[in-house]
PDB file of N, CA and C in Angstrom:
ATOM      1  N   UNK A   1     -70.119 -37.931 -38.051  1.00  0.00           N
ATOM      2  CA  UNK A   1     -68.669 -37.250 -38.141  1.00  0.00           C
ATOM      3  C   UNK A   1     -67.556 -37.280 -37.548  1.00  0.00           C
ATOM      4  N   UNK A   2     -66.731 -37.444 -37.802  1.00  0.00           N
ATOM      5  CA  UNK A   2     -65.661 -37.379 -37.192  1.00  0.00           C
ATOM      6  C   UNK A   2     -64.558 -36.315 -37.431  1.00  0.00           C
ATOM      7  N   UNK A   3     -63.683 -36.011 -36.048  1.00  0.00           N
ATOM      8  CA  UNK A   3     -62.468 -34.434 -36.147  1.00  0.00           C
ATOM      9  C   UNK A   3     -61.374 -35.884 -35.974  1.00  0.00           C
ATOM     10  N   UNK A   4     -59.770 -35.237 -37.348  1.00  0.00           N
ATOM     11  CA  UNK A   4     -59.066 -35.990 -36.715  1.00  0.00           C
ATOM     12  C   UNK A   4     -57.704 -34.939 -36.749  1.00  0.00           C
ATOM     13  N   UNK A   5     -57.419 -35.620 -36.217  1.00  0.00           N
ATOM     14  CA  UNK A   5     -55.593 -34.198 -35.993  1.00  0.00           C
ATOM     15  C   UNK A   5     -54.536 -35.272 -35.301  1.00  0.00           C
ATOM     16  N   UNK A   6     -53.686 -35.214 -36.454  1.00  0.00           N
ATOM     17  CA  UNK A   6     -52.376 -35.337 -36.020  1.00  0.00           C
ATOM     18  C   UNK A   6     -50.990 -35.066 -35.420  1.00  0.00           C
ATOM     19  N   UNK A   7     -51.159 -35.711 -34.090  1.00  0.00           N
ATOM     20  CA  UNK A   7     -49.976 -34.932 -33.085  1.00  0.00           C
ATOM     21  C   UNK A   7     -48.624 -34.549 -33.388  1.00  0.00           C
ATOM     22  N   UNK A   8     -48.489 -33.990 -32.918  1.00  0.00           N
ATOM     23  CA  UNK A   8     -46.940 -33.308 -32.901  1.00  0.00           C
ATOM     24  C   UNK A   8     -46.415 -33.154 -31.947  1.00  0.00           C
ATOM     25  N   UNK A   9     -44.796 -32.973 -32.002  1.00  0.00           N
ATOM     26  CA  UNK A   9     -44.745 -33.539 -30.955  1.00  0.00           C
ATOM     27  C   UNK A   9     -45.000 -32.298 -30.235  1.00  0.00           C
ATOM     28  N   UNK A  10     -44.426 -30.158 -30.449  1.00  0.00           N
ATOM     29  CA  UNK A  10     -45.330 -29.508 -29.719  1.00  0.00           C
ATOM     30  C   UNK A  10     -46.978 -29.905 -28.587  1.00  0.00           C
ATOM     31  N   UNK A  11     -47.819 -30.378 -30.301  1.00  0.00           N
ATOM     32  CA  UNK A  11     -49.125 -30.605 -28.672  1.00  0.00           C
ATOM     33  C   UNK A  11     -48.580 -31.137 -28.140  1.00  0.00           C
ATOM     34  N   UNK A  12     -47.962 -32.333 -27.947  1.00  0.00           N
ATOM     35  CA  UNK A  12     -47.990 -33.629 -26.618  1.00  0.00           C
ATOM     36  C   UNK A  12     -47.604 -33.335 -25.293  1.00  0.00           C
ATOM     37  N   UNK A  13     -46.201 -32.232 -25.672  1.00  0.00           N
ATOM     38  CA  UNK A  13     -45.339 -31.352 -24.372  1.00  0.00           C
ATOM     39  C   UNK A  13     -45.874 -29.941 -24.347  1.00  0.00           C
ATOM     40  N   UNK A  14     -47.220 -29.385 -24.339  1.00  0.00           N
ATOM     41  CA  UNK A  14     -47.372 -28.482 -24.010  1.00  0.00           C
ATOM     42  C   UNK A  14     -49.019 -29.049 -23.360  1.00  0.00           C
ATOM     43  N   UNK A  15     -49.729 -30.005 -24.447  1.00  0.00           N
ATOM     44  CA  UNK A  15     -50.979 -30.297 -24.623  1.00  0.00           C
ATOM     45  C   UNK A  15     -51.540 -28.935 -25.364  1.00  0.00           C
ATOM     46  N   UNK A  16     -51.642 -28.671 -26.027  1.00  0.00           N
ATOM     47  CA  UNK A  16     -51.958 -27.351 -27.275  1.00  0.00           C
ATOM     48  C   UNK A  16     -52.371 -27.918 -27.944  1.00  0.00           C
ATOM     49  N   UNK A  17     -53.953 -27.865 -29.118  1.00  0.00           N
ATOM     50  CA  UNK A  17     -53.703 -28.398 -30.008  1.00  0.00           C
ATOM     51  C   UNK A  17     -55.139 -27.385 -30.514  1.00  0.00           C
ATOM     52  N   UNK A  18     -54.258 -27.505 -31.555  1.00  0.00           N
ATOM     53  CA  UNK A  18     -54.928 -25.853 -33.010  1.00  0.00           C
ATOM     54  C   UNK A  18     -57.070 -26.638 -32.895  1.00  0.00           C
ATOM     55  N   UNK A  19     -57.617 -26.435 -32.938  1.00  0.00           N
ATOM     56  CA  UNK A  19     -59.244 -27.024 -33.267  1.00  0.00           C
ATOM     57  C   UNK A  19     -59.557 -26.864 -34.561  1.00  0.00           C
ATOM     58  N   UNK A  20     -58.397 -27.606 -34.732  1.00  0.00           N
ATOM     59  CA  UNK A  20     -59.679 -27.551 -37.297  1.00  0.00           C
ATOM     60  C   UNK A  20     -60.853 -27.511 -37.025  1.00  0.00           C
ATOM     61  N   UNK A  21     -60.228 -27.253 -38.327  1.00  0.00           N
ATOM     62  CA  UNK A  21     -62.387 -27.089 -39.092  1.00  0.00           C
ATOM     63  C   UNK A  21     -62.940 -28.487 -38.784  1.00  0.00           C
ATOM     64  N   UNK A  22     -62.605 -30.267 -38.612  1.00  0.00           N
ATOM     65  CA  UNK A  22     -62.902 -31.147 -38.440  1.00  0.00           C
ATOM     66  C   UNK A  22     -63.697 -31.247 -37.108  1.00  0.00           C
ATOM     67  N   UNK A  23     -63.315 -30.637 -36.086  1.00  0.00           N
ATOM     68  CA  UNK A  23     -62.823 -30.739 -34.183  1.00  0.00           C
ATOM     69  C   UNK A  23     -63.905 -29.962 -34.084  1.00  0.00           C
ATOM     70  N   UNK A  24     -64.276 -28.749 -35.671  1.00  0.00           N
ATOM     71  CA  UNK A  24     -65.184 -27.622 -35.279  1.00  0.00           C
ATOM     72  C   UNK A  24     -66.474 -28.048 -35.172  1.00  0.00           C
ATOM     73  N   UNK A  25     -66.379 -28.446 -36.738  1.00  0.00           N
ATOM     74  CA  UNK A  25     -67.907 -29.072 -37.091  1.00  0.00           C
ATOM     75  C   UNK A  25     -68.744 -30.502 -36.753  1.00  0.00           C
ATOM     76  N   UNK A  26     -67.438 -30.925 -35.443  1.00  0.00           N
ATOM     77  CA  UNK A  26     -67.291 -31.846 -34.858  1.00  0.00           C
ATOM     78  C   UNK A  26     -68.840 -31.605 -32.950  1.00  0.00           C
ATOM     79  N   UNK A  27     -67.528 -30.845 -32.685  1.00  0.00           N
ATOM     80  CA  UNK A  27     -68.666 -29.854 -32.108  1.00  0.00           C
ATOM     81  C   UNK A  27     -69.057 -29.813 -31.613  1.00  0.00           C
ATOM     82  N   UNK A  28     -69.575 -28.451 -32.946  1.00  0.00           N
ATOM     83  CA  UNK A  28     -71.016 -26.693 -32.826  1.00  0.00           C
ATOM     84  C   UNK A  28     -72.294 -28.149 -32.481  1.00  0.00           C
ATOM     85  N   UNK A  29     -72.916 -29.190 -32.426  1.00  0.00           N
ATOM     86  CA  UNK A  29     -73.931 -29.697 -32.692  1.00  0.00           C
ATOM     87  C   UNK A  29     -73.983 -30.225 -30.874  1.00  0.00           C
ATOM     88  N   UNK A  30     -72.607 -29.688 -30.571  1.00  0.00           N
ATOM     89  CA  UNK A  30     -72.965 -30.874 -29.292  1.00  0.00           C
ATOM     90  C   UNK A  30     -72.314 -29.927 -28.239  1.00  0.00           C
ATOM     91  N   UNK A  31     -72.294 -28.227 -29.141  1.00  0.00           N
ATOM     92  CA  UNK A  31     -72.418 -27.318 -27.470  1.00  0.00           C
ATOM     93  C   UNK A  31     -71.556 -26.688 -28.467  1.00  0.00           C
ATOM     94  N   UNK A  32     -70.567 -26.750 -28.663  1.00  0.00           N
ATOM     95  CA  UNK A  32     -69.513 -26.221 -28.407  1.00  0.00           C
ATOM     96  C   UNK A  32     -68.855 -25.421 -29.161  1.00  0.00           C
ATOM     97  N   UNK A  33     -69.374 -24.091 -29.764  1.00  0.00           N
ATOM     98  CA  UNK A  33     -69.217 -22.990 -31.094  1.00  0.00           C
ATOM     99  C   UNK A  33     -68.807 -22.665 -30.527  1.00  0.00           C
ATOM    100  N   UNK A  34     -67.087 -22.554 -31.492  1.00  0.00           N
ATOM    101  CA  UNK A  34     -66.360 -21.825 -31.134  1.00  0.00           C
ATOM    102  C   UNK A  34     -66.354 -20.042 -31.873  1.00  0.00           C
ATOM    103  N   UNK A  35     -67.463 -19.928 -33.073  1.00  0.00           N
ATOM    104  CA  UNK A  35     -68.099 -18.815 -33.639  1.00  0.00           C
ATOM    105  C   UNK A  35     -68.111 -18.216 -32.643  1.00  0.00           C
ATOM    106  N   UNK A  36     -69.268 -17.999 -31.665  1.00  0.00           N
ATOM    107  CA  UNK A  36     -69.602 -16.847 -30.172  1.00  0.00           C
ATOM    108  C   UNK A  36     -68.989 -17.300 -28.387  1.00  0.00           C
ATOM    109  N   UNK A  37     -67.980 -17.879 -29.080  1.00  0.00           N
ATOM    110  CA  UNK A  37     -66.602 -17.958 -28.022  1.00  0.00           C
ATOM    111  C   UNK A  37     -65.717 -17.239 -28.117  1.00  0.00           C
ATOM    112  N   UNK A  38     -65.793 -16.118 -27.168  1.00  0.00           N
ATOM    113  CA  UNK A  38     -64.424 -15.139 -27.013  1.00  0.00           C
ATOM    114  C   UNK A  38     -63.248 -15.275 -26.189  1.00  0.00           C
ATOM    115  N   UNK A  39     -62.588 -15.025 -26.236  1.00  0.00           N
ATOM    116  CA  UNK A  39     -61.443 -14.205 -26.004  1.00  0.00           C
ATOM    117  C   UNK A  39     -60.976 -15.503 -25.021  1.00  0.00           C
ATOM    118  N   UNK A  40     -60.467 -16.929 -24.074  1.00  0.00           N
ATOM    119  CA  UNK A  40     -60.570 -16.388 -22.663  1.00  0.00           C
ATOM    120  C   UNK A  40     -61.548 -17.659 -22.570  1.00  0.00           C
ATOM    121  N   UNK A  41     -62.751 -17.779 -23.684  1.00  0.00           N
ATOM    122  CA  UNK A  41     -64.305 -18.801 -23.008  1.00  0.00           C
ATOM    123  C   UNK A  41     -63.360 -20.641 -23.589  1.00  0.00           C
ATOM    124  N   UNK A  42     -64.441 -20.807 -22.407  1.00  0.00           N
ATOM    125  CA  UNK A  42     -64.299 -22.819 -22.524  1.00  0.00           C
ATOM    126  C   UNK A  42     -64.382 -23.073 -21.981  1.00  0.00           C
ATOM    127  N   UNK A  43     -64.840 -24.683 -22.999  1.00  0.00           N
ATOM    128  CA  UNK A  43     -65.923 -25.236 -22.322  1.00  0.00           C
ATOM    129  C   UNK A  43     -65.581 -27.367 -22.112  1.00  0.00           C
ATOM    130  N   UNK A  44     -65.759 -27.642 -21.643  1.00  0.00           N
ATOM    131  CA  UNK A  44     -65.219 -28.903 -21.540  1.00  0.00           C
ATOM    132  C   UNK A  44     -66.505 -29.958 -21.489  1.00  0.00           C
ATOM    133  N   UNK A  45     -65.781 -30.965 -22.503  1.00  0.00           N
ATOM    134  CA  UNK A  45     -66.517 -32.479 -22.668  1.00  0.00           C
ATOM    135  C   UNK A  45     -65.944 -32.953 -21.928  1.00  0.00           C
ATOM    136  N   UNK A  46     -67.195 -34.988 -21.663  1.00  0.00           N
ATOM    137  CA  UNK A  46     -66.895 -35.991 -21.495  1.00  0.00           C
ATOM    138  C   UNK A  46     -66.759 -36.223 -21.851  1.00  0.00           C
ATOM    139  N   UNK A  47     -65.267 -37.414 -22.248  1.00  0.00           N
ATOM    140  CA  UNK A  47     -65.071 -38.405 -23.326  1.00  0.00           C
ATOM    141  C   UNK A  47     -64.389 -39.458 -22.586  1.00  0.00           C
ATOM    142  N   UNK A  48     -64.420 -39.920 -23.667  1.00  0.00           N
ATOM    143  CA  UNK A  48     -63.406 -41.507 -22.805  1.00  0.00           C
ATOM    144  C   UNK A  48     -63.036 -42.272 -24.208  1.00  0.00           C
ATOM    145  N   UNK A  49     -61.856 -42.763 -23.534  1.00  0.00           N
ATOM    146  CA  UNK A  49     -60.465 -42.972 -24.724  1.00  0.00           C
ATOM    147  C   UNK A  49     -61.092 -44.887 -25.219  1.00  0.00           C
ATOM    148  N   UNK A  50     -60.470 -45.250 -26.031  1.00  0.00           N
ATOM    149  CA  UNK A  50     -60.968 -46.547 -27.028  1.00  0.00           C
ATOM    150  C   UNK A  50     -61.010 -47.817 -26.169  1.00  0.00           C
ATOM    151  N   UNK A  51     -60.431 -47.542 -25.021  1.00  0.00           N
ATOM    152  CA  UNK A  51     -59.552 -48.328 -24.226  1.00  0.00           C
ATOM    153  C   UNK A  51     -61.129 -48.823 -22.510  1.00  0.00           C
ATOM    154  N   UNK A  52     -61.421 -47.957 -22.162  1.00  0.00           N
ATOM    155  CA  UNK A  52     -61.807 -47.494 -21.014  1.00  0.00           C
ATOM    156  C   UNK A  52     -61.680 -46.530 -20.390  1.00  0.00           C
ATOM    157  N   UNK A  53     -60.997 -46.308 -20.202  1.00  0.00           N
ATOM    158  CA  UNK A  53     -60.832 -44.258 -20.010  1.00  0.00           C
ATOM    159  C   UNK A  53     -61.271 -43.674 -19.985  1.00  0.00           C
ATOM    160  N   UNK A  54     -61.493 -43.209 -18.845  1.00  0.00           N
ATOM    161  CA  UNK A  54     -63.188 -41.549 -18.502  1.00  0.00           C
ATOM    162  C   UNK A  54     -61.824 -40.035 -18.717  1.00  0.00           C
ATOM    163  N   UNK A  55     -61.980 -39.556 -19.690  1.00  0.00           N
ATOM    164  CA  UNK A  55     -61.406 -38.543 -19.578  1.00  0.00           C
ATOM    165  C   UNK A  55     -62.157 -36.639 -19.901  1.00  0.00           C
ATOM    166  N   UNK A  56     -61.627 -35.744 -19.529  1.00  0.00           N
ATOM    167  CA  UNK A  56     -62.155 -34.701 -20.484  1.00  0.00           C
ATOM    168  C   UNK A  56     -60.984 -33.438 -21.774  1.00  0.00           C
ATOM    169  N   UNK A  57     -62.122 -33.630 -22.570  1.00  0.00           N
ATOM    170  CA  UNK A  57     -62.021 -32.481 -23.304  1.00  0.00           C
ATOM    171  C   UNK A  57     -62.257 -31.041 -23.341  1.00  0.00           C
ATOM    172  N   UNK A  58     -61.737 -30.618 -23.600  1.00  0.00           N
ATOM    173  CA  UNK A  58     -61.313 -28.719 -22.791  1.00  0.00           C
ATOM    174  C   UNK A  58     -61.612 -28.445 -24.035  1.00  0.00           C
ATOM    175  N   UNK A  59     -62.386 -27.519 -24.973  1.00  0.00           N
ATOM    176  CA  UNK A  59     -62.750 -26.877 -26.094  1.00  0.00           C
ATOM    177  C   UNK A  59     -62.392 -25.329 -25.723  1.00  0.00           C
ATOM    178  N   UNK A  60     -61.049 -24.008 -25.864  1.00  0.00           N
ATOM    179  CA  UNK A  60     -61.140 -22.595 -25.987  1.00  0.00           C
ATOM    180  C   UNK A  60     -60.776 -22.072 -27.071  1.00  0.00           C
ATOM    181  N   UNK A  61     -60.418 -20.813 -26.613  1.00  0.00           N
ATOM    182  CA  UNK A  61     -60.079 -19.958 -27.133  1.00  0.00           C
ATOM    183  C   UNK A  61     -59.221 -18.925 -26.113  1.00  0.00           C
ATOM    184  N   UNK A  62     -58.106 -18.827 -26.797  1.00  0.00           N
ATOM    185  CA  UNK A  62     -57.302 -18.616 -25.710  1.00  0.00           C
ATOM    186  C   UNK A  62     -56.985 -16.908 -25.339  1.00  0.00           C
ATOM    187  N   UNK A  63     -55.970 -17.103 -24.089  1.00  0.00           N
ATOM    188  CA  UNK A  63     -56.366 -15.307 -24.349  1.00  0.00           C
ATOM    189  C   UNK A  63     -55.901 -14.195 -23.988  1.00  0.00           C
ATOM    190  N   UNK A  64     -55.474 -14.074 -25.550  1.00  0.00           N
ATOM    191  CA  UNK A  64     -54.851 -13.127 -26.526  1.00  0.00           C
ATOM    192  C   UNK A  64     -55.102 -12.602 -27.807  1.00  0.00           C
ATOM    193  N   UNK A  65     -54.879 -11.506 -28.118  1.00  0.00           N
ATOM    194  CA  UNK A  65     -55.954 -10.607 -29.052  1.00  0.00           C
ATOM    195  C   UNK A  65     -56.547 -11.393 -30.411  1.00  0.00           C
ATOM    196  N   UNK A  66     -56.183 -13.468 -31.240  1.00  0.00           N
ATOM    197  CA  UNK A  66     -55.979 -13.483 -32.651  1.00  0.00           C
ATOM    198  C   UNK A  66     -58.089 -14.773 -31.795  1.00  0.00           C
ATOM    199  N   UNK A  67     -57.275 -15.179 -30.526  1.00  0.00           N
ATOM    200  CA  UNK A  67     -58.584 -15.973 -29.789  1.00  0.00           C
ATOM    201  C   UNK A  67     -58.117 -17.066 -31.258  1.00  0.00           C
ATOM    202  N   UNK A  68     -56.927 -17.525 -30.239  1.00  0.00           N
ATOM    203  CA  UNK A  68     -57.420 -18.457 -31.013  1.00  0.00           C
ATOM    204  C   UNK A  68     -58.711 -20.151 -30.427  1.00  0.00           C
ATOM    205  N   UNK A  69     -58.375 -20.598 -31.626  1.00  0.00           N
ATOM    206  CA  UNK A  69     -59.541 -21.987 -31.000  1.00  0.00           C
ATOM    207  C   UNK A  69     -58.135 -22.482 -31.103  1.00  0.00           C
ATOM    208  N   UNK A  70     -58.313 -23.917 -29.970  1.00  0.00           N
ATOM    209  CA  UNK A  70     -57.461 -24.993 -29.286  1.00  0.00           C
ATOM    210  C   UNK A  70     -58.488 -25.675 -29.023  1.00  0.00           C
ATOM    211  N   UNK A  71     -57.708 -26.789 -28.429  1.00  0.00           N
ATOM    212  CA  UNK A  71     -58.653 -28.269 -27.808  1.00  0.00           C
ATOM    213  C   UNK A  71     -57.574 -29.121 -26.695  1.00  0.00           C
ATOM    214  N   UNK A  72     -57.799 -29.791 -25.912  1.00  0.00           N
ATOM    215  CA  UNK A  72     -57.118 -30.235 -24.897  1.00  0.00           C
ATOM    216  C   UNK A  72     -57.419 -30.867 -24.501  1.00  0.00           C
ATOM    217  N   UNK A  73     -56.982 -32.604 -24.430  1.00  0.00           N
ATOM    218  CA  UNK A  73     -57.114 -33.750 -24.518  1.00  0.00           C
ATOM    219  C   UNK A  73     -56.795 -33.761 -22.916  1.00  0.00           C
ATOM    220  N   UNK A  74     -57.214 -34.184 -22.327  1.00  0.00           N
ATOM    221  CA  UNK A  74     -56.178 -34.841 -21.211  1.00  0.00           C
ATOM    222  C   UNK A  74     -56.595 -36.052 -20.322  1.00  0.00           C
ATOM    223  N   UNK A  75     -54.837 -36.160 -20.559  1.00  0.00           N
ATOM    224  CA  UNK A  75     -54.007 -37.655 -20.137  1.00  0.00           C
ATOM    225  C   UNK A  75     -53.804 -38.397 -21.746  1.00  0.00           C
ATOM    226  N   UNK A  76     -53.815 -37.369 -22.793  1.00  0.00           N
ATOM    227  CA  UNK A  76     -53.251 -37.949 -24.195  1.00  0.00           C
ATOM    228  C   UNK A  76     -51.369 -38.496 -24.258  1.00  0.00           C
ATOM    229  N   UNK A  77     -50.944 -37.532 -23.699  1.00  0.00           N
ATOM    230  CA  UNK A  77     -49.641 -37.929 -23.055  1.00  0.00           C
ATOM    231  C   UNK A  77     -48.930 -39.630 -23.658  1.00  0.00           C
ATOM    232  N   UNK A  78     -50.679 -40.399 -22.462  1.00  0.00           N
ATOM    233  CA  UNK A  78     -50.021 -41.123 -21.431  1.00  0.00           C
ATOM    234  C   UNK A  78     -51.081 -42.487 -22.298  1.00  0.00           C
ATOM    235  N   UNK A  79     -51.673 -42.026 -23.882  1.00  0.00           N
ATOM    236  CA  UNK A  79     -52.030 -42.560 -24.999  1.00  0.00           C
ATOM    237  C   UNK A  79     -51.677 -42.936 -26.080  1.00  0.00           C
ATOM    238  N   UNK A  80     -50.908 -41.621 -26.745  1.00  0.00           N
ATOM    239  CA  UNK A  80     -50.672 -41.938 -27.688  1.00  0.00           C
ATOM    240  C   UNK A  80     -49.095 -41.283 -27.991  1.00  0.00           C
ATOM    241  N   UNK A  81     -48.740 -40.881 -29.155  1.00  0.00           N
ATOM    242  CA  UNK A  81     -47.058 -40.570 -30.142  1.00  0.00           C
ATOM    243  C   UNK A  81     -47.104 -39.430 -30.593  1.00  0.00           C
ATOM    244  N   UNK A  82     -45.915 -39.540 -30.934  1.00  0.00           N
ATOM    245  CA  UNK A  82     -46.378 -38.478 -31.891  1.00  0.00           C
ATOM    246  C   UNK A  82     -46.190 -38.342 -33.318  1.00  0.00           C
ATOM    247  N   UNK A  83     -47.231 -38.142 -34.210  1.00  0.00           N
ATOM    248  CA  UNK A  83     -47.471 -38.668 -35.151  1.00  0.00           C
ATOM    249  C   UNK A  83     -48.509 -39.204 -35.339  1.00  0.00           C
ATOM    250  N   UNK A  84     -49.423 -40.333 -34.855  1.00  0.00           N
ATOM    251  CA  UNK A  84     -50.092 -40.913 -34.366  1.00  0.00           C
ATOM    252  C   UNK A  84     -51.383 -39.671 -34.063  1.00  0.00           C
ATOM    253  N   UNK A  85     -52.069 -40.312 -35.593  1.00  0.00           N
ATOM    254  CA  UNK A  85     -53.435 -39.599 -35.488  1.00  0.00           C
ATOM    255  C   UNK A  85     -54.334 -40.158 -34.107  1.00  0.00           C
ATOM    256  N   UNK A  86     -55.046 -38.349 -34.369  1.00  0.00           N
ATOM    257  CA  UNK A  86     -56.004 -39.130 -33.360  1.00  0.00           C
ATOM    258  C   UNK A  86     -57.771 -38.390 -33.277  1.00  0.00           C
ATOM    259  N   UNK A  87     -58.650 -39.770 -32.853  1.00  0.00           N
ATOM    260  CA  UNK A  87     -59.913 -39.653 -33.843  1.00  0.00           C
ATOM    261  C   UNK A  87     -60.867 -38.846 -33.188  1.00  0.00           C
ATOM    262  N   UNK A  88     -61.808 -37.662 -33.476  1.00  0.00           N
ATOM    263  CA  UNK A  88     -62.775 -37.669 -32.270  1.00  0.00           C
ATOM    264  C   UNK A  88     -64.381 -37.849 -32.650  1.00  0.00           C
ATOM    265  N   UNK A  89     -64.543 -38.354 -32.304  1.00  0.00           N
ATOM    266  CA  UNK A  89     -66.323 -39.143 -32.584  1.00  0.00           C
ATOM    267  C   UNK A  89     -66.976 -38.839 -31.386  1.00  0.00           C
ATOM    268  N   UNK A  90     -68.335 -39.075 -31.617  1.00  0.00           N
ATOM    269  CA  UNK A  90     -70.027 -39.173 -30.576  1.00  0.00           C
ATOM    270  C   UNK A  90     -69.926 -39.915 -30.884  1.00  0.00           C
ATOM    271  N   UNK A  91     -70.181 -40.516 -29.609  1.00  0.00           N
ATOM    272  CA  UNK A  91     -70.212 -42.003 -28.865  1.00  0.00           C
ATOM    273  C   UNK A  91     -71.970 -42.085 -28.558  1.00  0.00           C
ATOM    274  N   UNK A  92     -72.774 -41.156 -28.769  1.00  0.00           N
ATOM    275  CA  UNK A  92     -74.315 -41.242 -28.781  1.00  0.00           C
ATOM    276  C   UNK A  92     -74.706 -40.571 -29.198  1.00  0.00           C
ATOM    277  N   UNK A  93     -76.220 -40.975 -29.351  1.00  0.00           N
ATOM    278  CA  UNK A  93     -77.519 -40.142 -30.425  1.00  0.00           C
ATOM    279  C   UNK A  93     -77.720 -39.045 -29.041  1.00  0.00           C
ATOM    280  N   UNK A  94     -77.610 -38.536 -27.737  1.00  0.00           N
ATOM    281  CA  UNK A  94     -77.463 -37.468 -27.665  1.00  0.00           C
ATOM    282  C   UNK A  94     -76.602 -36.427 -27.508  1.00  0.00           C
ATOM    283  N   UNK A  95     -75.367 -36.967 -28.541  1.00  0.00           N
ATOM    284  CA  UNK A  95     -74.151 -35.771 -28.480  1.00  0.00           C
ATOM    285  C   UNK A  95     -73.698 -35.604 -27.121  1.00  0.00           C
ATOM    286  N   UNK A  96     -73.449 -36.300 -26.479  1.00  0.00           N
ATOM    287  CA  UNK A  96     -72.761 -35.633 -24.560  1.00  0.00           C
ATOM    288  C   UNK A  96     -71.534 -36.244 -24.317  1.00  0.00           C
ATOM    289  N   UNK A  97     -70.885 -37.035 -25.510  1.00  0.00           N
ATOM    290  CA  UNK A  97     -69.912 -37.821 -24.396  1.00  0.00           C
ATOM    291  C   UNK A  97     -69.134 -38.664 -25.951  1.00  0.00           C
ATOM    292  N   UNK A  98     -67.975 -38.660 -26.067  1.00  0.00           N
ATOM    293  CA  UNK A  98     -67.155 -37.215 -27.331  1.00  0.00           C
ATOM    294  C   UNK A  98     -65.684 -39.225 -26.946  1.00  0.00           C
ATOM    295  N   UNK A  99     -65.945 -39.975 -28.515  1.00  0.00           N
ATOM    296  CA  UNK A  99     -65.170 -40.542 -28.081  1.00  0.00           C
ATOM    297  C   UNK A  99     -63.186 -40.514 -28.783  1.00  0.00           C
ATOM    298  N   UNK A 100     -62.669 -41.431 -27.660  1.00  0.00           N
ATOM    299  CA  UNK A 100     -60.917 -40.918 -28.239  1.00  0.00           C
ATOM    300  C   UNK A 100     -60.100 -41.450 -28.472  1.00  0.00           C
ATOM    301  N   UNK A 101     -60.169 -42.213 -29.897  1.00  0.00           N
ATOM    302  CA  UNK A 101     -59.518 -42.901 -30.914  1.00  0.00           C
ATOM    303  C   UNK A 101     -57.880 -42.578 -31.243  1.00  0.00           C
ATOM    304  N   UNK A 102     -56.610 -43.814 -31.308  1.00  0.00           N
ATOM    305  CA  UNK A 102     -56.156 -43.671 -31.880  1.00  0.00           C
ATOM    306  C   UNK A 102     -55.118 -44.608 -33.033  1.00  0.00           C
ATOM    307  N   UNK A 103     -55.273 -44.126 -33.876  1.00  0.00           N
ATOM    308  CA  UNK A 103     -54.385 -44.953 -35.047  1.00  0.00           C
ATOM    309  C   UNK A 103     -55.165 -45.686 -34.981  1.00  0.00           C
ATOM    310  N   UNK A 104     -57.182 -46.366 -34.483  1.00  0.00           N
ATOM    311  CA  UNK A 104     -57.930 -46.890 -34.983  1.00  0.00           C
ATOM    312  C   UNK A 104     -59.620 -46.484 -35.747  1.00  0.00           C
ATOM    313  N   UNK A 105     -59.418 -47.024 -36.707  1.00  0.00           N
ATOM    314  CA  UNK A 105     -60.856 -46.109 -37.567  1.00  0.00           C
ATOM    315  C   UNK A 105     -61.802 -46.303 -37.700  1.00  0.00           C
ATOM    316  N   UNK A 106     -60.993 -47.762 -38.513  1.00  0.00           N
ATOM    317  CA  UNK A 106     -62.585 -49.061 -38.660  1.00  0.00           C
ATOM    318  C   UNK A 106     -63.501 -49.403 -37.350  1.00  0.00           C
ATOM    319  N   UNK A 107     -62.741 -49.366 -36.150  1.00  0.00           N
ATOM    320  CA  UNK A 107     -63.344 -50.373 -35.134  1.00  0.00           C
ATOM    321  C   UNK A 107     -63.841 -49.915 -34.519  1.00  0.00           C
ATOM    322  N   UNK A 108     -64.587 -48.377 -34.694  1.00  0.00           N
ATOM    323  CA  UNK A 108     -65.091 -46.962 -33.105  1.00  0.00           C
ATOM    324  C   UNK A 108     -66.338 -46.612 -34.194  1.00  0.00           C
ATOM    325  N   UNK A 109     -65.531 -45.933 -35.130  1.00  0.00           N
ATOM    326  CA  UNK A 109     -66.331 -44.760 -35.418  1.00  0.00           C
ATOM    327  C   UNK A 109     -67.895 -44.951 -35.925  1.00  0.00           C
ATOM    328  N   UNK A 110     -69.064 -44.523 -35.150  1.00  0.00           N
ATOM    329  CA  UNK A 110     -69.994 -44.901 -36.077  1.00  0.00           C
ATOM    330  C   UNK A 110     -70.137 -43.930 -36.517  1.00  0.00           C
TER     331      UNK A 110
END
């Protein structure tokens, strides 16, 4: 299973990315259940970019009345540009780490 996000200017500048359905479905088996989270709740998972750079991905609900579902990927500005497609995937059977690839599909998705 993979999650895909096409980056916008706002996503890169503010590090605020909506957790679309593909993101929510990918991380639920990893223990991140947006439906169970309340406004202000946050979970962090280890991740790695395809170039080997280690990072973290935060999954959270905003602290407003709507409690929007969001993610934040540390270091994304150094790895991606506006319009790029970020692909998140699970990199091991234990489902404890996320692989982040930018515009690379076949070579990294397992």
